[in-house]
Amino acid sequence: MHDQREQFIAVQKNSDGDLTAFKTSTGRMLNYEEALQEVQSGMIAGVNVFKGKDGERYIRGDADGDPSNNLDQLPGFE
C-alpha cells in the first residue's frame, strides 16, 4: 500500500547547520516546532522524533540505510 502521508522534500538550516524549517511534498512550509508536532502525530512519512541527550526532542529520518534521504541531504529552500 502506498503511503499517502506527506514527506519532507526540502529544508532550511541556520548558520550552524541545524535544521530550522521544512518544506513538504504538498508545498507547505513548517517551522521546526510545527514540523515536530506533525511528525509526532504521524502526519509525515519517513521521519521520527527522538529525545536527545539534552532532553529536547528532535526530528530525524527513519534509519533505512540510505544516506541520500537523510534530512541533512535534502535540498534547501528559500
Protein backbone atom coordinates (compact mmCIF):
# COMPACT_ATOMS: atom_id res chain seq x y z
CA MET A 1 0.00 0.00 0.00
CA HIS A 2 1.40 3.40 -0.95
CA ASP A 3 1.86 5.80 1.93
CA GLN A 4 -0.35 8.85 1.33
CA ARG A 5 1.27 10.96 4.04
CA GLU A 6 3.33 14.00 3.20
CA GLN A 7 7.11 13.83 3.16
CA PHE A 8 9.76 16.45 3.70
CA ILE A 9 11.33 17.43 0.37
CA ALA A 10 13.50 20.41 1.35
CA VAL A 11 14.94 22.00 4.47
CA GLN A 12 16.24 25.30 5.80
CA LYS A 13 19.31 25.41 8.03
CA ASN A 14 20.77 28.07 10.27
CA SER A 15 24.39 29.18 10.18
CA ASP A 16 25.34 26.29 12.48
CA GLY A 17 23.86 23.78 10.03
CA ASP A 18 20.92 22.97 12.29
CA LEU A 19 17.59 22.29 10.60
CA THR A 20 15.15 25.14 11.22
CA ALA A 21 12.28 24.63 8.74
CA PHE A 22 10.87 22.03 6.37
CA LYS A 23 9.01 22.02 3.06
CA THR A 24 6.54 19.19 2.50
CA SER A 25 5.63 17.28 -0.63
CA THR A 26 2.41 19.32 -0.88
CA GLY A 27 4.33 22.61 -0.74
CA ARG A 28 3.58 23.50 2.86
CA MET A 29 6.36 25.18 4.85
CA LEU A 30 6.65 24.32 8.52
CA ASN A 31 8.92 25.77 11.15
CA TYR A 32 10.71 23.29 13.39
CA GLU A 33 8.03 23.33 16.11
CA GLU A 34 5.20 22.79 13.61
CA ALA A 35 7.12 20.02 11.92
CA LEU A 36 7.84 18.36 15.26
CA GLN A 37 4.13 18.33 16.11
CA GLU A 38 3.19 16.82 12.74
CA VAL A 39 5.90 14.16 12.88
CA GLN A 40 4.80 13.21 16.42
CA SER A 41 1.18 12.90 15.27
CA GLY A 42 2.20 10.62 12.39
CA MET A 43 1.31 13.00 9.57
CA ILE A 44 4.74 12.94 7.89
CA ALA A 45 6.23 9.79 6.35
CA GLY A 46 9.87 8.70 6.58
CA VAL A 47 10.79 10.56 9.76
CA ASN A 48 10.54 10.12 13.51
CA VAL A 49 11.11 12.08 16.70
CA PHE A 50 13.77 11.16 19.24
CA LYS A 51 14.81 12.67 22.55
CA GLY A 52 18.39 13.94 22.58
CA LYS A 53 20.85 13.71 25.46
CA ASP A 54 19.84 17.27 26.35
CA GLY A 55 16.23 16.18 26.84
CA GLU A 56 14.99 18.09 23.80
CA ARG A 57 13.01 16.42 21.02
CA TYR A 58 14.47 16.27 17.52
CA ILE A 59 13.30 15.18 14.08
CA ARG A 60 15.35 12.60 12.20
CA GLY A 61 14.88 10.47 9.13
CA ASP A 62 13.95 6.83 9.60
CA ALA A 63 17.05 4.63 9.64
CA ASP A 64 16.67 2.79 6.34
CA GLY A 65 20.35 2.53 5.44
CA ASP A 66 20.03 5.04 2.59
CA PRO A 67 22.09 8.16 3.38
CA SER A 68 20.72 10.01 0.33
CA ASN A 69 17.35 10.55 2.01
CA ASN A 70 18.77 11.85 5.29
CA LEU A 71 17.22 15.18 6.22
CA ASP A 72 20.65 16.86 6.00
CA GLN A 73 20.90 15.74 2.36
CA LEU A 74 17.63 17.35 1.26
CA PRO A 75 17.89 20.46 -0.88
CA GLY A 76 17.46 23.87 0.69
CA PHE A 77 14.60 26.25 0.01
CA GLU A 78 14.06 29.99 0.44
